[in-house]
Amino acid sequence: MKNNLELQEDVQNAIKWEPSINSSEIGVAVRDGVVTLSGTVDSYSKKLAAERATKNVIGVRAIAEDINIHYGTTFIKNDTEVASEVLSAWKNDWEVPDRQIKVRVENGWVNLEGEVIWMFQKQAAKNAITNLTGVKGVTNGITLKSESKDTVEKEDITRALDRNWSINGHDIKVEVNQNNVKLTGKVHSIYQMEEAGRLAWNTPGVNHVENELAVL
C-alpha cells in the first residue's frame, strides 16, 4: 500500500498529465487514501478534469473536493443566461432528450430533474453543459425508467465487466433482483468502481444499481 507521500506524488503527476489543467492551480493533500483537492480554476470543466485524473490513481479511496471556480468579471453571467445556454446546448446534442428534462440554475449551480430511459442520456445531459461559461456545478437529479419489462440477466452484466480492460470481473459479485442490480467486491480505484457501475447501468432493463464496491 502506498504511503501518503507516494500517493500525493502520484496524484500530482496525474493532474500534470491533464492538458486542460495548470497543475500549479491545484493543491493536493493526502491522508490514509483520502485526497483533498484545493485551489482555484476558471471553469467547471477544469475542476472535473482534476477530479477525473485523481479518480484514475490506484490507492485513492475517496476525494474531498475544495476547488473554487472563478470566471473573472469579464465572463460573469446571470442565472437566466446560464439556463438559456444549457437549453441551447441540449438542442445540439442528439443524445439528450431535452423535452424530458427540467433545469434550474441558482448562483451558477445547475440542477437537473426529469426522467429518461437510458443512463447514457442522463450522462449526456450533464456532459453537454460542463464547458459552458458561468456553470459552477451540476447536480444531476435525472432518474431512469426503463421501457423494458424483462428481468435483467446477470450474465449480461458479468460479460460486460469481463470485456472491460480496466476491470477484473473476478473481483466483482453481481446480484440481480428483477430490474435491480447490486455490485459488491473490491476494486483498486474510484475510476474502476464508477466504470463497473456505468456498465451495469447500461444493461438493458436496469432501473437501479446499488454500487457497494470497496476501493482497496
Protein backbone atom coordinates (compact mmCIF):
# COMPACT_ATOMS: atom_id res chain seq x y z
CA MET A 1 0.00 0.00 0.00
CA LYS A 2 1.26 3.49 -0.83
CA ASN A 3 2.07 5.89 1.97
CA ASN A 4 0.69 9.42 1.99
CA LEU A 5 3.68 10.99 0.24
CA GLU A 6 3.75 8.36 -2.52
CA LEU A 7 0.04 8.73 -3.20
CA GLN A 8 0.30 12.53 -3.16
CA GLU A 9 3.05 12.40 -5.76
CA ASP A 10 1.05 10.02 -7.96
CA VAL A 11 -2.00 12.30 -7.87
CA GLN A 12 0.08 15.39 -8.59
CA ASN A 13 1.67 13.67 -11.58
CA ALA A 14 -1.74 12.51 -12.86
CA ILE A 15 -3.01 16.09 -12.74
CA LYS A 16 0.11 17.32 -14.56
CA TRP A 17 -0.76 14.98 -17.44
CA GLU A 18 -4.19 16.56 -17.88
CA PRO A 19 -3.65 19.01 -20.79
CA SER A 20 -6.56 21.25 -19.79
CA ILE A 21 -5.24 21.93 -16.27
CA ASN A 22 -2.46 24.13 -14.99
CA SER A 23 -1.22 21.84 -12.22
CA SER A 24 0.07 24.81 -10.21
CA GLU A 25 -3.59 25.81 -9.65
CA ILE A 26 -4.42 22.57 -7.84
CA GLY A 27 -3.29 21.71 -4.33
CA VAL A 28 -3.15 18.04 -3.29
CA ALA A 29 -3.22 16.75 0.29
CA VAL A 30 -3.42 13.07 1.22
CA ARG A 31 -4.26 11.21 4.39
CA ASP A 32 -4.94 7.47 4.55
CA GLY A 33 -6.18 7.22 0.96
CA VAL A 34 -8.37 10.32 1.19
CA VAL A 35 -7.26 13.00 -1.29
CA THR A 36 -8.19 16.65 -0.76
CA LEU A 37 -8.08 18.85 -3.85
CA SER A 38 -7.94 22.61 -3.40
CA GLY A 39 -7.24 25.74 -5.43
CA THR A 40 -8.99 28.00 -7.94
CA VAL A 41 -9.70 27.37 -11.63
CA ASP A 42 -11.53 29.37 -14.29
CA SER A 43 -14.00 26.72 -15.49
CA TYR A 44 -16.13 23.87 -14.23
CA SER A 45 -14.61 21.54 -16.83
CA LYS A 46 -11.14 22.04 -15.31
CA LYS A 47 -12.50 21.18 -11.89
CA LEU A 48 -13.97 17.97 -13.30
CA ALA A 49 -10.70 17.17 -15.08
CA ALA A 50 -8.77 17.39 -11.80
CA GLU A 51 -11.29 15.09 -10.12
CA ARG A 52 -11.20 12.65 -13.04
CA ALA A 53 -7.40 12.45 -13.01
CA THR A 54 -7.45 11.79 -9.27
CA LYS A 55 -10.03 9.02 -9.58
CA ASN A 56 -7.79 7.17 -12.01
CA VAL A 57 -4.95 6.84 -9.49
CA ILE A 58 -4.67 3.49 -7.75
CA GLY A 59 -4.76 3.90 -3.98
CA VAL A 60 -7.21 6.80 -3.92
CA ARG A 61 -10.14 5.66 -1.78
CA ALA A 62 -12.06 8.95 -1.52
CA ILE A 63 -11.88 12.54 -2.74
CA ALA A 64 -12.62 15.67 -0.73
CA GLU A 65 -13.05 18.43 -3.29
CA ASP A 66 -12.44 22.04 -2.31
CA ILE A 67 -11.71 23.61 -5.70
CA ASN A 68 -13.22 27.04 -6.32
CA ILE A 69 -14.33 28.36 -9.71
CA HIS A 70 -13.68 32.00 -10.55
CA TYR A 71 -14.60 33.21 -14.03
CA GLY A 72 -13.50 36.79 -13.57
CA THR A 73 -15.56 39.91 -14.19
CA THR A 74 -15.36 39.57 -18.00
CA PHE A 75 -17.33 36.32 -18.11
CA ILE A 76 -19.95 36.90 -15.43
CA LYS A 77 -23.38 35.59 -16.48
CA ASN A 78 -26.62 35.66 -14.58
CA ASP A 79 -28.67 32.52 -13.92
CA THR A 80 -31.12 33.26 -16.72
CA GLU A 81 -28.30 33.44 -19.27
CA VAL A 82 -26.78 30.20 -17.98
CA ALA A 83 -30.15 28.42 -18.15
CA SER A 84 -30.68 29.59 -21.73
CA GLU A 85 -27.26 28.30 -22.78
CA VAL A 86 -27.97 24.96 -21.14
CA LEU A 87 -31.13 24.57 -23.22
CA SER A 88 -29.28 25.60 -26.38
CA ALA A 89 -26.51 23.06 -25.72
CA TRP A 90 -29.05 20.27 -25.37
CA LYS A 91 -30.76 21.13 -28.66
CA ASN A 92 -27.47 20.47 -30.45
CA ASP A 93 -26.91 17.09 -28.77
CA TRP A 94 -28.93 14.17 -30.16
CA GLU A 95 -28.23 12.06 -27.06
CA VAL A 96 -30.13 14.44 -24.79
CA PRO A 97 -33.96 14.12 -24.71
CA ASP A 98 -34.26 17.77 -23.75
CA ARG A 99 -38.06 17.84 -23.59
CA GLN A 100 -37.94 15.30 -20.75
CA ILE A 101 -35.52 17.29 -18.59
CA LYS A 102 -36.05 20.39 -16.48
CA VAL A 103 -33.25 22.74 -15.49
CA ARG A 104 -32.97 25.13 -12.56
CA VAL A 105 -29.99 27.45 -12.04
CA GLU A 106 -29.13 29.09 -8.74
CA ASN A 107 -25.96 31.18 -8.35
CA GLY A 108 -24.36 29.35 -11.26
CA TRP A 109 -25.21 25.89 -9.92
CA VAL A 110 -27.28 23.85 -12.39
CA ASN A 111 -29.88 21.40 -11.08
CA LEU A 112 -31.26 18.79 -13.48
CA GLU A 113 -34.53 16.93 -12.99
CA GLY A 114 -36.66 14.66 -15.15
CA GLU A 115 -36.91 11.08 -16.32
CA VAL A 116 -35.07 9.31 -19.16
CA ILE A 117 -34.81 5.74 -20.42
CA TRP A 118 -31.05 5.24 -20.63
CA MET A 119 -28.11 6.05 -18.37
CA PHE A 120 -26.14 7.48 -21.31
CA GLN A 121 -28.90 10.09 -21.74
CA LYS A 122 -28.54 11.18 -18.12
CA GLN A 123 -24.78 11.42 -18.51
CA ALA A 124 -25.08 13.25 -21.82
CA ALA A 125 -27.31 15.90 -20.25
CA LYS A 126 -24.52 16.76 -17.83
CA ASN A 127 -21.61 16.34 -20.25
CA ALA A 128 -23.19 18.76 -22.74
CA ILE A 129 -23.06 21.66 -20.27
CA THR A 130 -19.80 21.21 -18.34
CA ASN A 131 -17.89 23.53 -20.69
CA LEU A 132 -20.40 26.37 -20.54
CA THR A 133 -19.12 29.63 -19.09
CA GLY A 134 -20.92 30.52 -15.89
CA VAL A 135 -21.59 26.95 -14.74
CA LYS A 136 -20.13 26.41 -11.26
CA GLY A 137 -21.51 22.94 -10.63
CA VAL A 138 -24.12 20.41 -11.67
CA THR A 139 -26.50 18.31 -9.57
CA ASN A 140 -27.79 15.56 -11.83
CA GLY A 141 -31.12 14.53 -10.32
CA ILE A 142 -32.41 12.89 -13.50
CA THR A 143 -33.97 9.50 -12.81
CA LEU A 144 -34.16 6.42 -15.04
CA LYS A 145 -37.24 4.48 -16.05
CA SER A 146 -36.50 1.66 -18.43
CA GLU A 147 -39.09 0.74 -21.04
CA SER A 148 -38.00 -2.89 -20.81
CA LYS A 149 -40.20 -5.06 -18.61
CA ASP A 150 -37.94 -8.11 -18.89
CA THR A 151 -35.90 -9.27 -15.91
CA VAL A 152 -32.24 -8.30 -16.22
CA GLU A 153 -29.92 -11.22 -16.94
CA LYS A 154 -26.96 -11.47 -14.56
CA GLU A 155 -24.81 -12.97 -17.31
CA ASP A 156 -25.23 -9.85 -19.45
CA ILE A 157 -23.63 -7.74 -16.73
CA THR A 158 -20.83 -10.16 -15.86
CA ARG A 159 -19.89 -10.45 -19.54
CA ALA A 160 -19.80 -6.65 -19.84
CA LEU A 161 -17.48 -6.46 -16.83
CA ASP A 162 -15.22 -9.18 -18.24
CA ARG A 163 -14.95 -7.35 -21.56
CA ASN A 164 -13.73 -4.13 -19.93
CA TRP A 165 -9.94 -3.82 -19.94
CA SER A 166 -9.79 -1.73 -16.75
CA ILE A 167 -11.77 -4.09 -14.51
CA ASN A 168 -11.05 -7.53 -13.08
CA GLY A 169 -14.50 -9.04 -13.24
CA HIS A 170 -13.49 -11.90 -10.95
CA ASP A 171 -13.26 -9.44 -8.05
CA ILE A 172 -16.85 -8.25 -8.51
CA LYS A 173 -20.01 -10.08 -7.42
CA VAL A 174 -23.19 -9.27 -9.30
CA GLU A 175 -26.62 -9.81 -7.77
CA VAL A 176 -29.81 -9.27 -9.77
CA ASN A 177 -33.36 -8.96 -8.48
CA GLN A 178 -35.69 -8.38 -11.44
CA ASN A 179 -34.58 -4.92 -12.70
CA ASN A 180 -32.32 -4.07 -9.75
CA VAL A 181 -28.59 -4.75 -9.65
CA LYS A 182 -26.20 -4.89 -6.70
CA LEU A 183 -22.41 -4.84 -7.08
CA THR A 184 -20.12 -5.97 -4.27
CA GLY A 185 -16.45 -6.88 -4.08
CA LYS A 186 -13.26 -4.89 -4.46
CA VAL A 187 -11.57 -2.64 -7.00
CA HIS A 188 -8.36 -0.64 -6.96
CA SER A 189 -9.54 2.85 -7.87
CA ILE A 190 -12.60 5.09 -7.80
CA TYR A 191 -12.49 5.04 -11.60
CA GLN A 192 -12.92 1.25 -11.63
CA MET A 193 -15.80 1.48 -9.15
CA GLU A 194 -17.63 4.06 -11.28
CA GLU A 195 -16.87 2.20 -14.52
CA ALA A 196 -18.37 -1.01 -13.14
CA GLY A 197 -21.45 0.94 -12.12
CA ARG A 198 -21.68 2.54 -15.56
CA LEU A 199 -21.56 -0.85 -17.27
CA ALA A 200 -24.29 -2.19 -15.01
CA TRP A 201 -26.46 0.87 -15.70
CA ASN A 202 -26.01 0.42 -19.45
CA THR A 203 -27.52 -3.05 -19.35
CA PRO A 204 -30.99 -3.04 -20.98
CA GLY A 205 -33.79 -3.17 -18.42
CA VAL A 206 -31.84 -1.93 -15.40
CA ASN A 207 -33.79 0.52 -13.24
CA HIS A 208 -31.49 0.72 -10.22
CA VAL A 209 -27.84 -0.05 -9.40
CA GLU A 210 -26.60 -0.39 -5.84
CA ASN A 211 -22.84 0.05 -6.13
CA GLU A 212 -21.21 -1.24 -2.94
CA LEU A 213 -17.78 -1.92 -4.42
CA ALA A 214 -14.93 -1.23 -1.99
CA VAL A 215 -11.87 0.68 -3.18
CA LEU A 216 -8.77 -1.01 -1.74
